[in-house]
Amino acid sequence: MMGPGLARDVVVVLFATASGFTASGILANLYRLAVASKPESGPAKTAYYAVMVVAGPNVLIENAAQSLRKKACSKIAFWLAACVAAYWSFALGLFVLNFSLAL
């Protein structure tokens, strides 16, 4: 039976996942606008990896969708990538929500 406490928790999980995926998409697109080429130097690679910690869910879903359209991966592999991206977005969203509540 779904009580009011469980419904609130489900909404918080969905909101955290959505906010994490939104933060991921914003940072991924800002990085693409700022940097046109692949990183080659040491500091550029370090910055790239730091950005990918946050931008990863968006990049993962984008690459998985492209592979699925090209028939380069199975539907199971796509949905596995989607689940990983959703969990990653949830963890990122919890951080974003915690940070916004602390302000």
N, C-alpha and C. Protein backbone atom coordinates (compact mmCIF):
# COMPACT_ATOMS: atom_id res chain seq x y z
N MET A 1 0.85 -1.18 0.00
CA MET A 1 0.00 0.00 0.00
C MET A 1 0.89 1.24 0.00
N MET A 2 0.57 2.17 -0.83
CA MET A 2 1.38 3.38 -0.95
C MET A 2 0.78 4.47 -0.06
N GLY A 3 1.54 4.82 0.97
CA GLY A 3 1.10 5.87 1.88
C GLY A 3 1.67 7.21 1.47
N PRO A 4 1.33 8.25 2.21
CA PRO A 4 1.81 9.58 1.87
C PRO A 4 3.33 9.72 2.00
N GLY A 5 3.94 8.99 2.91
CA GLY A 5 5.40 9.05 3.06
C GLY A 5 6.12 8.45 1.87
N LEU A 6 5.61 7.34 1.37
CA LEU A 6 6.22 6.68 0.23
C LEU A 6 6.05 7.51 -1.03
N ALA A 7 4.89 8.11 -1.20
CA ALA A 7 4.64 8.94 -2.37
C ALA A 7 5.59 10.14 -2.39
N ARG A 8 5.82 10.73 -1.23
CA ARG A 8 6.75 11.87 -1.14
C ARG A 8 8.16 11.43 -1.48
N ASP A 9 8.56 10.25 -1.01
CA ASP A 9 9.89 9.74 -1.30
C ASP A 9 10.07 9.46 -2.80
N VAL A 10 9.05 8.94 -3.44
CA VAL A 10 9.12 8.67 -4.88
C VAL A 10 9.26 9.98 -5.65
N VAL A 11 8.54 11.00 -5.23
CA VAL A 11 8.63 12.31 -5.88
C VAL A 11 10.03 12.89 -5.70
N VAL A 12 10.60 12.74 -4.51
CA VAL A 12 11.96 13.24 -4.26
C VAL A 12 12.97 12.50 -5.14
N VAL A 13 12.82 11.19 -5.30
CA VAL A 13 13.72 10.42 -6.16
C VAL A 13 13.59 10.88 -7.61
N LEU A 14 12.38 11.05 -8.09
CA LEU A 14 12.18 11.51 -9.47
C LEU A 14 12.72 12.93 -9.67
N PHE A 15 12.50 13.80 -8.69
CA PHE A 15 13.00 15.17 -8.79
C PHE A 15 14.52 15.21 -8.74
N ALA A 16 15.12 14.40 -7.88
CA ALA A 16 16.58 14.34 -7.81
C ALA A 16 17.16 13.81 -9.11
N THR A 17 16.56 12.79 -9.69
CA THR A 17 17.04 12.24 -10.96
C THR A 17 16.92 13.27 -12.07
N ALA A 18 15.80 13.96 -12.12
CA ALA A 18 15.61 14.98 -13.16
C ALA A 18 16.57 16.15 -12.97
N SER A 19 16.79 16.57 -11.74
CA SER A 19 17.72 17.69 -11.52
C SER A 19 19.15 17.28 -11.83
N GLY A 20 19.52 16.05 -11.54
CA GLY A 20 20.85 15.57 -11.88
C GLY A 20 21.07 15.47 -13.37
N PHE A 21 20.06 14.98 -14.09
CA PHE A 21 20.20 14.88 -15.54
C PHE A 21 20.21 16.26 -16.18
N THR A 22 19.47 17.20 -15.60
CA THR A 22 19.47 18.57 -16.11
C THR A 22 20.84 19.22 -15.91
N ALA A 23 21.41 19.06 -14.72
CA ALA A 23 22.74 19.60 -14.46
C ALA A 23 23.77 18.96 -15.40
N SER A 24 23.61 17.68 -15.65
CA SER A 24 24.51 16.97 -16.55
C SER A 24 24.41 17.54 -17.97
N GLY A 25 23.20 17.74 -18.44
CA GLY A 25 23.01 18.27 -19.79
C GLY A 25 23.52 19.69 -19.94
N ILE A 26 23.29 20.51 -18.94
CA ILE A 26 23.77 21.89 -18.99
C ILE A 26 25.29 21.92 -19.07
N LEU A 27 25.95 21.17 -18.19
CA LEU A 27 27.41 21.19 -18.19
C LEU A 27 27.99 20.57 -19.46
N ALA A 28 27.38 19.49 -19.95
CA ALA A 28 27.87 18.86 -21.18
C ALA A 28 27.79 19.82 -22.36
N ASN A 29 26.69 20.54 -22.47
CA ASN A 29 26.53 21.47 -23.59
C ASN A 29 27.42 22.70 -23.45
N LEU A 30 27.60 23.20 -22.23
CA LEU A 30 28.52 24.31 -22.02
C LEU A 30 29.94 23.91 -22.38
N TYR A 31 30.32 22.68 -22.03
CA TYR A 31 31.67 22.20 -22.36
C TYR A 31 31.83 22.09 -23.88
N ARG A 32 30.81 21.59 -24.56
CA ARG A 32 30.89 21.47 -26.02
C ARG A 32 30.97 22.84 -26.69
N LEU A 33 30.30 23.84 -26.12
CA LEU A 33 30.39 25.18 -26.67
C LEU A 33 31.76 25.81 -26.43
N ALA A 34 32.35 25.55 -25.27
CA ALA A 34 33.62 26.18 -24.91
C ALA A 34 34.82 25.52 -25.56
N VAL A 35 34.76 24.20 -25.72
CA VAL A 35 35.92 23.46 -26.23
C VAL A 35 35.51 22.77 -27.52
N ALA A 36 36.19 23.09 -28.59
CA ALA A 36 35.82 22.55 -29.90
C ALA A 36 36.54 21.24 -30.23
N SER A 37 37.72 21.01 -29.65
CA SER A 37 38.51 19.83 -30.02
C SER A 37 38.71 18.91 -28.82
N LYS A 38 39.25 17.74 -29.11
CA LYS A 38 39.56 16.78 -28.06
C LYS A 38 40.73 17.29 -27.22
N PRO A 39 40.71 17.01 -25.92
CA PRO A 39 41.83 17.47 -25.08
C PRO A 39 43.11 16.69 -25.41
N GLU A 40 44.22 17.41 -25.49
CA GLU A 40 45.49 16.77 -25.83
C GLU A 40 46.53 16.91 -24.73
N SER A 41 46.54 18.03 -24.01
CA SER A 41 47.55 18.23 -22.98
C SER A 41 47.07 17.64 -21.64
N GLY A 42 47.98 17.54 -20.71
CA GLY A 42 47.66 16.98 -19.39
C GLY A 42 46.59 17.75 -18.65
N PRO A 43 46.73 19.08 -18.50
CA PRO A 43 45.69 19.83 -17.80
C PRO A 43 44.34 19.80 -18.52
N ALA A 44 44.36 19.78 -19.84
CA ALA A 44 43.11 19.72 -20.60
C ALA A 44 42.41 18.39 -20.38
N LYS A 45 43.17 17.31 -20.32
CA LYS A 45 42.57 15.99 -20.06
C LYS A 45 42.01 15.92 -18.64
N THR A 46 42.73 16.53 -17.69
CA THR A 46 42.24 16.55 -16.31
C THR A 46 40.93 17.32 -16.22
N ALA A 47 40.85 18.45 -16.89
CA ALA A 47 39.61 19.23 -16.90
C ALA A 47 38.49 18.46 -17.59
N TYR A 48 38.82 17.74 -18.66
CA TYR A 48 37.82 16.94 -19.37
C TYR A 48 37.24 15.87 -18.45
N TYR A 49 38.11 15.16 -17.73
CA TYR A 49 37.63 14.12 -16.82
C TYR A 49 36.81 14.70 -15.67
N ALA A 50 37.20 15.87 -15.18
CA ALA A 50 36.43 16.53 -14.12
C ALA A 50 35.04 16.92 -14.61
N VAL A 51 34.96 17.40 -15.84
CA VAL A 51 33.66 17.77 -16.41
C VAL A 51 32.82 16.52 -16.64
N MET A 52 33.44 15.43 -17.08
CA MET A 52 32.69 14.21 -17.38
C MET A 52 32.10 13.56 -16.13
N VAL A 53 32.65 13.86 -14.96
CA VAL A 53 32.05 13.35 -13.72
C VAL A 53 30.61 13.86 -13.60
N VAL A 54 30.40 15.11 -13.98
CA VAL A 54 29.06 15.69 -13.91
C VAL A 54 28.29 15.50 -15.21
N ALA A 55 28.96 15.64 -16.35
CA ALA A 55 28.28 15.57 -17.65
C ALA A 55 28.07 14.14 -18.13
N GLY A 56 28.58 13.17 -17.42
CA GLY A 56 28.55 11.78 -17.85
C GLY A 56 27.20 11.19 -18.20
N PRO A 57 26.16 11.38 -17.37
CA PRO A 57 24.87 10.78 -17.71
C PRO A 57 24.33 11.24 -19.06
N ASN A 58 24.47 12.50 -19.35
CA ASN A 58 24.00 13.03 -20.63
C ASN A 58 24.79 12.44 -21.79
N VAL A 59 26.09 12.38 -21.66
CA VAL A 59 26.96 11.84 -22.71
C VAL A 59 26.69 10.35 -22.90
N LEU A 60 26.50 9.64 -21.79
CA LEU A 60 26.24 8.20 -21.86
C LEU A 60 24.94 7.90 -22.60
N ILE A 61 23.87 8.62 -22.27
CA ILE A 61 22.59 8.41 -22.96
C ILE A 61 22.69 8.78 -24.43
N GLU A 62 23.39 9.87 -24.72
CA GLU A 62 23.55 10.29 -26.12
C GLU A 62 24.29 9.24 -26.94
N ASN A 63 25.39 8.72 -26.40
CA ASN A 63 26.15 7.69 -27.10
C ASN A 63 25.37 6.39 -27.23
N ALA A 64 24.63 6.03 -26.19
CA ALA A 64 23.83 4.80 -26.25
C ALA A 64 22.71 4.93 -27.28
N ALA A 65 22.08 6.09 -27.36
CA ALA A 65 21.02 6.30 -28.35
C ALA A 65 21.57 6.26 -29.77
N GLN A 66 22.74 6.85 -29.98
CA GLN A 66 23.35 6.79 -31.31
C GLN A 66 23.69 5.35 -31.69
N SER A 67 24.22 4.59 -30.75
CA SER A 67 24.55 3.19 -31.03
C SER A 67 23.29 2.37 -31.32
N LEU A 68 22.22 2.65 -30.60
CA LEU A 68 20.98 1.91 -30.84
C LEU A 68 20.41 2.24 -32.22
N ARG A 69 20.47 3.53 -32.62
CA ARG A 69 19.98 3.90 -33.95
C ARG A 69 20.79 3.27 -35.07
N LYS A 70 22.11 3.12 -34.84
CA LYS A 70 22.98 2.51 -35.84
C LYS A 70 22.95 0.99 -35.77
N LYS A 71 22.20 0.45 -34.85
CA LYS A 71 22.13 -1.00 -34.61
C LYS A 71 23.49 -1.56 -34.19
N ALA A 72 24.29 -0.73 -33.50
CA ALA A 72 25.60 -1.16 -33.03
C ALA A 72 25.54 -1.79 -31.63
N CYS A 73 24.38 -1.71 -30.99
CA CYS A 73 24.22 -2.35 -29.68
C CYS A 73 22.80 -2.91 -29.58
N SER A 74 22.62 -3.79 -28.65
CA SER A 74 21.30 -4.40 -28.46
C SER A 74 20.43 -3.48 -27.60
N LYS A 75 19.15 -3.80 -27.56
CA LYS A 75 18.24 -3.03 -26.72
C LYS A 75 18.56 -3.23 -25.24
N ILE A 76 19.03 -4.42 -24.91
CA ILE A 76 19.41 -4.68 -23.51
C ILE A 76 20.58 -3.80 -23.11
N ALA A 77 21.57 -3.66 -24.00
CA ALA A 77 22.72 -2.81 -23.70
C ALA A 77 22.29 -1.35 -23.58
N PHE A 78 21.36 -0.92 -24.43
CA PHE A 78 20.86 0.45 -24.34
C PHE A 78 20.17 0.68 -23.00
N TRP A 79 19.29 -0.23 -22.61
CA TRP A 79 18.57 -0.04 -21.35
C TRP A 79 19.48 -0.17 -20.14
N LEU A 80 20.53 -0.97 -20.25
CA LEU A 80 21.52 -1.03 -19.17
C LEU A 80 22.23 0.32 -19.04
N ALA A 81 22.60 0.92 -20.17
CA ALA A 81 23.22 2.25 -20.15
C ALA A 81 22.24 3.28 -19.61
N ALA A 82 20.97 3.16 -19.95
CA ALA A 82 19.96 4.09 -19.45
C ALA A 82 19.81 3.97 -17.94
N CYS A 83 19.85 2.75 -17.42
CA CYS A 83 19.74 2.55 -15.97
C CYS A 83 20.96 3.12 -15.24
N VAL A 84 22.14 2.91 -15.81
CA VAL A 84 23.36 3.46 -15.21
C VAL A 84 23.29 4.98 -15.22
N ALA A 85 22.85 5.56 -16.33
CA ALA A 85 22.73 7.02 -16.43
C ALA A 85 21.69 7.55 -15.45
N ALA A 86 20.60 6.83 -15.27
CA ALA A 86 19.56 7.26 -14.33
C ALA A 86 20.08 7.24 -12.90
N TYR A 87 20.81 6.19 -12.54
CA TYR A 87 21.36 6.11 -11.18
C TYR A 87 22.42 7.19 -10.97
N TRP A 88 23.24 7.41 -11.98
CA TRP A 88 24.27 8.45 -11.93
C TRP A 88 23.60 9.82 -11.79
N SER A 89 22.54 10.05 -12.53
CA SER A 89 21.79 11.31 -12.44
C SER A 89 21.16 11.47 -11.07
N PHE A 90 20.66 10.38 -10.51
CA PHE A 90 20.08 10.43 -9.17
C PHE A 90 21.12 10.84 -8.14
N ALA A 91 22.30 10.23 -8.19
CA ALA A 91 23.36 10.58 -7.25
C ALA A 91 23.80 12.03 -7.43
N LEU A 92 23.92 12.45 -8.67
CA LEU A 92 24.28 13.84 -8.96
C LEU A 92 23.17 14.78 -8.50
N GLY A 93 21.93 14.40 -8.70
CA GLY A 93 20.79 15.21 -8.28
C GLY A 93 20.70 15.36 -6.78
N LEU A 94 21.04 14.31 -6.04
CA LEU A 94 21.07 14.42 -4.58
C LEU A 94 22.10 15.44 -4.15
N PHE A 95 23.24 15.45 -4.81
CA PHE A 95 24.27 16.44 -4.50
C PHE A 95 23.76 17.85 -4.84
N VAL A 96 23.13 18.02 -5.98
CA VAL A 96 22.61 19.33 -6.40
C VAL A 96 21.54 19.81 -5.41
N LEU A 97 20.61 18.93 -5.03
CA LEU A 97 19.57 19.31 -4.09
C LEU A 97 20.14 19.64 -2.71
N ASN A 98 21.10 18.85 -2.26
CA ASN A 98 21.72 19.12 -0.97
C ASN A 98 22.45 20.46 -0.99
N PHE A 99 23.14 20.73 -2.10
CA PHE A 99 23.84 22.00 -2.23
C PHE A 99 22.85 23.17 -2.27
N SER A 100 21.75 23.01 -3.00
CA SER A 100 20.78 24.10 -3.10
C SER A 100 20.06 24.33 -1.76
N LEU A 101 19.83 23.30 -0.98
CA LEU A 101 19.21 23.47 0.32
C LEU A 101 20.17 24.10 1.33
N ALA A 102 21.45 23.91 1.12
CA ALA A 102 22.44 24.49 2.04
C ALA A 102 22.60 25.98 1.82
N LEU A 103 22.22 26.46 0.64
CA LEU A 103 22.37 27.90 0.36
C LEU A 103 21.33 28.72 1.03
